[in-house]
């Protein structure tokens, strides 16, 4: 006399067989259609031609220099006054970025303690004409070049400490580059630094 297990046996076999056939069909379907080779079945977009190197360079080349508001006078590790200038290069769309060229930073005293102390200005040129030099001075967070002049003449201590009420200095930054046509151009900005209050 057949048991309950025997009665359900043929049904269980049929279900397992149907499941196996379904899996086989799915696998066969996946394997029967290989992925298209690179470039196949792509519809060209009208006007999709790539821009020339000169057109791309013209779009990305800086057209304006800005002395970033984070530029400051502070103390270096030896306690001497130093200028930390953050130079921002902006393209025609107003986006900041990198470019190869030469930067010059100059700082001049406009007012303060007696003029008899040392020198009244300091300047430094920065070589950013190679990718290595450019990358080393570029800050990715602020997207500016960090340029330092140190040490400064001692009368700049009045700006750092705020000990001289009328102490004022002007910072000038220039950047000379070659544009897409190979023409040298110079960008410039100035900023006034006053004693901290």
C-alpha atoms as a PDB file:
ATOM      1  CA  UNK A   1       0.000   0.000   0.000  1.00  0.00           C
ATOM      2  CA  UNK A   2       1.576   3.355  -1.072  1.00  0.00           C
ATOM      3  CA  UNK A   3       2.406   5.808   1.703  1.00  0.00           C
ATOM      4  CA  UNK A   4       1.801   9.597   1.746  1.00  0.00           C
ATOM      5  CA  UNK A   5       5.458  10.131   0.809  1.00  0.00           C
ATOM      6  CA  UNK A   6       5.057   7.811  -2.200  1.00  0.00           C
ATOM      7  CA  UNK A   7       1.959   9.695  -3.355  1.00  0.00           C
ATOM      8  CA  UNK A   8       3.793  13.056  -3.285  1.00  0.00           C
ATOM      9  CA  UNK A   9       6.976  11.651  -4.866  1.00  0.00           C
ATOM     10  CA  UNK A  10       6.001  12.033  -8.573  1.00  0.00           C
ATOM     11  CA  UNK A  11       4.730  15.575  -7.961  1.00  0.00           C
ATOM     12  CA  UNK A  12       7.987  16.550  -6.250  1.00  0.00           C
ATOM     13  CA  UNK A  13      10.000  15.137  -9.150  1.00  0.00           C
ATOM     14  CA  UNK A  14       7.901  17.097 -11.665  1.00  0.00           C
ATOM     15  CA  UNK A  15       8.410  20.355  -9.741  1.00  0.00           C
ATOM     16  CA  UNK A  16      12.166  19.867  -9.524  1.00  0.00           C
ATOM     17  CA  UNK A  17      12.340  19.011 -13.241  1.00  0.00           C
ATOM     18  CA  UNK A  18      10.350  22.153 -14.162  1.00  0.00           C
ATOM     19  CA  UNK A  19      12.621  24.303 -12.012  1.00  0.00           C
ATOM     20  CA  UNK A  20      15.705  22.804 -13.681  1.00  0.00           C
ATOM     21  CA  UNK A  21      14.306  23.531 -17.141  1.00  0.00           C
ATOM     22  CA  UNK A  22      13.552  27.151 -16.173  1.00  0.00           C
ATOM     23  CA  UNK A  23      17.103  27.728 -14.892  1.00  0.00           C
ATOM     24  CA  UNK A  24      18.575  26.127 -18.022  1.00  0.00           C
ATOM     25  CA  UNK A  25      16.476  28.388 -20.248  1.00  0.00           C
ATOM     26  CA  UNK A  26      17.556  31.489 -18.343  1.00  0.00           C
ATOM     27  CA  UNK A  27      21.227  30.547 -18.509  1.00  0.00           C
ATOM     28  CA  UNK A  28      20.977  29.717 -22.196  1.00  0.00           C
ATOM     29  CA  UNK A  29      19.328  33.071 -22.859  1.00  0.00           C
ATOM     30  CA  UNK A  30      22.085  34.938 -21.030  1.00  0.00           C
ATOM     31  CA  UNK A  31      24.861  33.094 -22.868  1.00  0.00           C
ATOM     32  CA  UNK A  32      23.261  33.313 -26.313  1.00  0.00           C
ATOM     33  CA  UNK A  33      23.504  37.136 -26.498  1.00  0.00           C
ATOM     34  CA  UNK A  34      27.120  38.290 -26.080  1.00  0.00           C
ATOM     35  CA  UNK A  35      27.683  41.931 -25.117  1.00  0.00           C
ATOM     36  CA  UNK A  36      28.197  44.253 -28.080  1.00  0.00           C
ATOM     37  CA  UNK A  37      31.768  45.069 -28.981  1.00  0.00           C
ATOM     38  CA  UNK A  38      33.066  48.518 -28.114  1.00  0.00           C
ATOM     39  CA  UNK A  39      31.591  51.127 -30.413  1.00  0.00           C
ATOM     40  CA  UNK A  40      28.748  48.958 -31.716  1.00  0.00           C
ATOM     41  CA  UNK A  41      25.081  49.925 -31.530  1.00  0.00           C
ATOM     42  CA  UNK A  42      25.967  53.504 -30.498  1.00  0.00           C
ATOM     43  CA  UNK A  43      24.046  56.301 -32.158  1.00  0.00           C
ATOM     44  CA  UNK A  44      26.318  59.253 -32.994  1.00  0.00           C
ATOM     45  CA  UNK A  45      25.261  62.557 -31.463  1.00  0.00           C
ATOM     46  CA  UNK A  46      25.121  65.475 -33.850  1.00  0.00           C
ATOM     47  CA  UNK A  47      27.947  67.948 -33.198  1.00  0.00           C
ATOM     48  CA  UNK A  48      29.824  65.470 -30.968  1.00  0.00           C
ATOM     49  CA  UNK A  49      33.277  66.255 -32.399  1.00  0.00           C
ATOM     50  CA  UNK A  50      35.963  66.865 -29.774  1.00  0.00           C
ATOM     51  CA  UNK A  51      37.312  70.385 -29.268  1.00  0.00           C
ATOM     52  CA  UNK A  52      40.834  71.203 -30.359  1.00  0.00           C
ATOM     53  CA  UNK A  53      43.600  71.520 -27.779  1.00  0.00           C
ATOM     54  CA  UNK A  54      43.723  75.263 -28.385  1.00  0.00           C
ATOM     55  CA  UNK A  55      39.942  75.636 -27.893  1.00  0.00           C
ATOM     56  CA  UNK A  56      40.045  73.620 -24.660  1.00  0.00           C
ATOM     57  CA  UNK A  57      43.028  75.623 -23.386  1.00  0.00           C
ATOM     58  CA  UNK A  58      41.289  78.896 -24.203  1.00  0.00           C
ATOM     59  CA  UNK A  59      38.270  77.829 -22.177  1.00  0.00           C
ATOM     60  CA  UNK A  60      40.287  76.713 -19.132  1.00  0.00           C
ATOM     61  CA  UNK A  61      43.057  79.321 -19.111  1.00  0.00           C
ATOM     62  CA  UNK A  62      42.910  81.801 -16.221  1.00  0.00           C
ATOM     63  CA  UNK A  63      41.729  85.306 -17.079  1.00  0.00           C
ATOM     64  CA  UNK A  64      41.703  86.790 -13.574  1.00  0.00           C
ATOM     65  CA  UNK A  65      43.843  86.592 -10.450  1.00  0.00           C
ATOM     66  CA  UNK A  66      42.419  87.116  -6.970  1.00  0.00           C
ATOM     67  CA  UNK A  67      44.218  87.451  -3.653  1.00  0.00           C
ATOM     68  CA  UNK A  68      42.068  85.094  -1.604  1.00  0.00           C
ATOM     69  CA  UNK A  69      40.538  86.416   1.653  1.00  0.00           C
ATOM     70  CA  UNK A  70      42.402  83.703   3.589  1.00  0.00           C
ATOM     71  CA  UNK A  71      45.689  85.525   2.825  1.00  0.00           C
ATOM     72  CA  UNK A  72      47.213  86.696   6.096  1.00  0.00           C
ATOM     73  CA  UNK A  73      50.181  87.794   8.167  1.00  0.00           C
ATOM     74  CA  UNK A  74      51.178  85.389  10.918  1.00  0.00           C
ATOM     75  CA  UNK A  75      54.145  84.057  12.868  1.00  0.00           C
ATOM     76  CA  UNK A  76      56.357  81.331  11.437  1.00  0.00           C
ATOM     77  CA  UNK A  77      57.737  78.460  13.532  1.00  0.00           C
ATOM     78  CA  UNK A  78      60.526  80.759  14.782  1.00  0.00           C
ATOM     79  CA  UNK A  79      58.118  83.491  15.855  1.00  0.00           C
ATOM     80  CA  UNK A  80      58.936  85.840  12.965  1.00  0.00           C
ATOM     81  CA  UNK A  81      56.319  87.701  10.921  1.00  0.00           C
ATOM     82  CA  UNK A  82      55.544  86.070   7.580  1.00  0.00           C
ATOM     83  CA  UNK A  83      53.102  86.658   4.745  1.00  0.00           C
ATOM     84  CA  UNK A  84      50.952  83.719   3.653  1.00  0.00           C
ATOM     85  CA  UNK A  85      49.370  84.726   0.352  1.00  0.00           C
ATOM     86  CA  UNK A  86      46.766  82.486  -1.271  1.00  0.00           C
ATOM     87  CA  UNK A  87      46.587  83.172  -4.995  1.00  0.00           C
ATOM     88  CA  UNK A  88      43.434  82.130  -6.832  1.00  0.00           C
ATOM     89  CA  UNK A  89      43.371  81.786 -10.640  1.00  0.00           C
ATOM     90  CA  UNK A  90      39.921  82.065 -12.249  1.00  0.00           C
ATOM     91  CA  UNK A  91      38.875  81.116 -15.785  1.00  0.00           C
ATOM     92  CA  UNK A  92      36.288  82.926 -17.920  1.00  0.00           C
ATOM     93  CA  UNK A  93      33.461  81.029 -16.159  1.00  0.00           C
ATOM     94  CA  UNK A  94      34.716  82.085 -12.728  1.00  0.00           C
ATOM     95  CA  UNK A  95      36.017  78.614 -11.811  1.00  0.00           C
ATOM     96  CA  UNK A  96      39.306  78.365  -9.938  1.00  0.00           C
ATOM     97  CA  UNK A  97      42.063  76.007 -11.006  1.00  0.00           C
ATOM     98  CA  UNK A  98      45.733  75.472 -11.811  1.00  0.00           C
ATOM     99  CA  UNK A  99      47.964  76.794 -14.573  1.00  0.00           C
ATOM    100  CA  UNK A 100      51.684  76.855 -15.263  1.00  0.00           C
ATOM    101  CA  UNK A 101      53.499  80.171 -15.006  1.00  0.00           C
ATOM    102  CA  UNK A 102      55.494  82.517 -12.774  1.00  0.00           C
ATOM    103  CA  UNK A 103      54.099  84.285  -9.712  1.00  0.00           C
ATOM    104  CA  UNK A 104      55.575  87.314  -7.984  1.00  0.00           C
ATOM    105  CA  UNK A 105      54.494  88.533  -4.561  1.00  0.00           C
ATOM    106  CA  UNK A 106      55.550  91.906  -3.158  1.00  0.00           C
ATOM    107  CA  UNK A 107      54.612  93.533   0.137  1.00  0.00           C
ATOM    108  CA  UNK A 108      55.082  97.242   0.845  1.00  0.00           C
ATOM    109  CA  UNK A 109      54.640  99.277   3.992  1.00  0.00           C
ATOM    110  CA  UNK A 110      52.289 102.221   3.579  1.00  0.00           C
ATOM    111  CA  UNK A 111      52.222 103.511   7.177  1.00  0.00           C
ATOM    112  CA  UNK A 112      53.459 102.568  10.616  1.00  0.00           C
ATOM    113  CA  UNK A 113      56.495 103.046  12.822  1.00  0.00           C
ATOM    114  CA  UNK A 114      59.432 105.187  11.768  1.00  0.00           C
ATOM    115  CA  UNK A 115      60.818 104.600   8.295  1.00  0.00           C
ATOM    116  CA  UNK A 116      64.320 104.140   9.577  1.00  0.00           C
ATOM    117  CA  UNK A 117      63.894 100.375  10.159  1.00  0.00           C
ATOM    118  CA  UNK A 118      65.538  98.010   7.683  1.00  0.00           C
ATOM    119  CA  UNK A 119      63.667  97.836   4.389  1.00  0.00           C
ATOM    120  CA  UNK A 120      60.200  98.983   3.493  1.00  0.00           C
ATOM    121  CA  UNK A 121      59.301  96.128   1.168  1.00  0.00           C
ATOM    122  CA  UNK A 122      59.959  92.466   0.443  1.00  0.00           C
ATOM    123  CA  UNK A 123      59.360  90.453  -2.727  1.00  0.00           C
ATOM    124  CA  UNK A 124      59.709  86.913  -3.949  1.00  0.00           C
ATOM    125  CA  UNK A 125      59.259  85.118  -7.264  1.00  0.00           C
ATOM    126  CA  UNK A 126      57.724  81.651  -7.371  1.00  0.00           C
ATOM    127  CA  UNK A 127      58.473  79.225 -10.196  1.00  0.00           C
ATOM    128  CA  UNK A 128      55.230  77.431 -11.066  1.00  0.00           C
ATOM    129  CA  UNK A 129      56.310  76.559 -14.615  1.00  0.00           C
ATOM    130  CA  UNK A 130      56.517  72.786 -14.037  1.00  0.00           C
ATOM    131  CA  UNK A 131      53.731  70.390 -12.980  1.00  0.00           C
ATOM    132  CA  UNK A 132      55.811  69.332  -9.966  1.00  0.00           C
ATOM    133  CA  UNK A 133      56.234  72.885  -8.651  1.00  0.00           C
ATOM    134  CA  UNK A 134      52.632  73.780  -9.431  1.00  0.00           C
ATOM    135  CA  UNK A 135      51.244  70.735  -7.616  1.00  0.00           C
ATOM    136  CA  UNK A 136      53.506  71.245  -4.592  1.00  0.00           C
ATOM    137  CA  UNK A 137      52.110  74.733  -3.867  1.00  0.00           C
ATOM    138  CA  UNK A 138      48.474  74.095  -4.818  1.00  0.00           C
ATOM    139  CA  UNK A 139      45.967  73.601  -1.986  1.00  0.00           C
ATOM    140  CA  UNK A 140      43.134  71.328  -3.172  1.00  0.00           C
ATOM    141  CA  UNK A 141      40.699  72.398  -0.443  1.00  0.00           C
ATOM    142  CA  UNK A 142      40.742  76.142  -1.187  1.00  0.00           C
ATOM    143  CA  UNK A 143      41.899  75.656  -4.812  1.00  0.00           C
ATOM    144  CA  UNK A 144      44.553  78.320  -4.361  1.00  0.00           C
ATOM    145  CA  UNK A 145      48.345  78.504  -4.559  1.00  0.00           C
ATOM    146  CA  UNK A 146      49.867  79.048  -1.107  1.00  0.00           C
ATOM    147  CA  UNK A 147      52.836  81.423  -1.423  1.00  0.00           C
ATOM    148  CA  UNK A 148      54.910  82.456   1.591  1.00  0.00           C
ATOM    149  CA  UNK A 149      57.365  85.298   2.200  1.00  0.00           C
ATOM    150  CA  UNK A 150      59.397  84.883   5.390  1.00  0.00           C
ATOM    151  CA  UNK A 151      60.926  86.362   7.351  1.00  0.00           C
ATOM    152  CA  UNK A 152      59.571  89.874   6.913  1.00  0.00           C
ATOM    153  CA  UNK A 153      61.281  93.036   8.228  1.00  0.00           C
ATOM    154  CA  UNK A 154      60.649  93.547  11.933  1.00  0.00           C
ATOM    155  CA  UNK A 155      58.208  96.416  11.441  1.00  0.00           C
ATOM    156  CA  UNK A 156      55.662  93.907  10.096  1.00  0.00           C
ATOM    157  CA  UNK A 157      55.368  92.701  13.680  1.00  0.00           C
ATOM    158  CA  UNK A 158      53.052  95.678  14.207  1.00  0.00           C
ATOM    159  CA  UNK A 159      50.593  94.157  11.744  1.00  0.00           C
ATOM    160  CA  UNK A 160      50.751  90.748  13.368  1.00  0.00           C
ATOM    161  CA  UNK A 161      50.412  92.092  16.920  1.00  0.00           C
ATOM    162  CA  UNK A 162      48.229  95.125  16.252  1.00  0.00           C
ATOM    163  CA  UNK A 163      50.651  97.185  18.366  1.00  0.00           C
ATOM    164  CA  UNK A 164      50.744 100.118  15.911  1.00  0.00           C
ATOM    165  CA  UNK A 165      47.372 101.698  15.226  1.00  0.00           C
ATOM    166  CA  UNK A 166      48.228 103.094  11.778  1.00  0.00           C
ATOM    167  CA  UNK A 167      50.260 100.147  10.468  1.00  0.00           C
ATOM    168  CA  UNK A 168      49.128  99.342   6.922  1.00  0.00           C
ATOM    169  CA  UNK A 169      50.736  97.322   4.142  1.00  0.00           C
ATOM    170  CA  UNK A 170      49.865  96.642   0.523  1.00  0.00           C
ATOM    171  CA  UNK A 171      50.338  93.247  -1.082  1.00  0.00           C
ATOM    172  CA  UNK A 172      50.692  92.924  -4.849  1.00  0.00           C
ATOM    173  CA  UNK A 173      50.575  89.591  -6.673  1.00  0.00           C
ATOM    174  CA  UNK A 174      51.180  88.981 -10.374  1.00  0.00           C
ATOM    175  CA  UNK A 175      51.037  85.804 -12.450  1.00  0.00           C
ATOM    176  CA  UNK A 176      52.587  85.542 -15.920  1.00  0.00           C
ATOM    177  CA  UNK A 177      51.417  82.747 -18.231  1.00  0.00           C
ATOM    178  CA  UNK A 178      51.263  81.723 -21.862  1.00  0.00           C
ATOM    179  CA  UNK A 179      47.760  81.626 -23.324  1.00  0.00           C
ATOM    180  CA  UNK A 180      46.474  79.173 -25.952  1.00  0.00           C
ATOM    181  CA  UNK A 181      48.005  81.283 -28.750  1.00  0.00           C
ATOM    182  CA  UNK A 182      51.427  81.322 -27.084  1.00  0.00           C
ATOM    183  CA  UNK A 183      51.147  84.967 -26.034  1.00  0.00           C
ATOM    184  CA  UNK A 184      52.498  85.958 -22.625  1.00  0.00           C
ATOM    185  CA  UNK A 185      49.906  87.608 -20.367  1.00  0.00           C
ATOM    186  CA  UNK A 186      50.182  88.937 -16.830  1.00  0.00           C
ATOM    187  CA  UNK A 187      47.342  88.885 -14.304  1.00  0.00           C
ATOM    188  CA  UNK A 188      47.487  91.085 -11.206  1.00  0.00           C
ATOM    189  CA  UNK A 189      45.689  91.859  -7.962  1.00  0.00           C
ATOM    190  CA  UNK A 190      46.410  93.969  -4.888  1.00  0.00           C
ATOM    191  CA  UNK A 191      45.141  93.907  -1.313  1.00  0.00           C
ATOM    192  CA  UNK A 192      45.631  96.070   1.757  1.00  0.00           C
ATOM    193  CA  UNK A 193      46.539  94.538   5.100  1.00  0.00           C
ATOM    194  CA  UNK A 194      45.922  96.457   8.312  1.00  0.00           C
ATOM    195  CA  UNK A 195      46.895  95.858  11.903  1.00  0.00           C
ATOM    196  CA  UNK A 196      44.602  93.444  13.748  1.00  0.00           C
ATOM    197  CA  UNK A 197      42.224  95.158  16.199  1.00  0.00           C
END
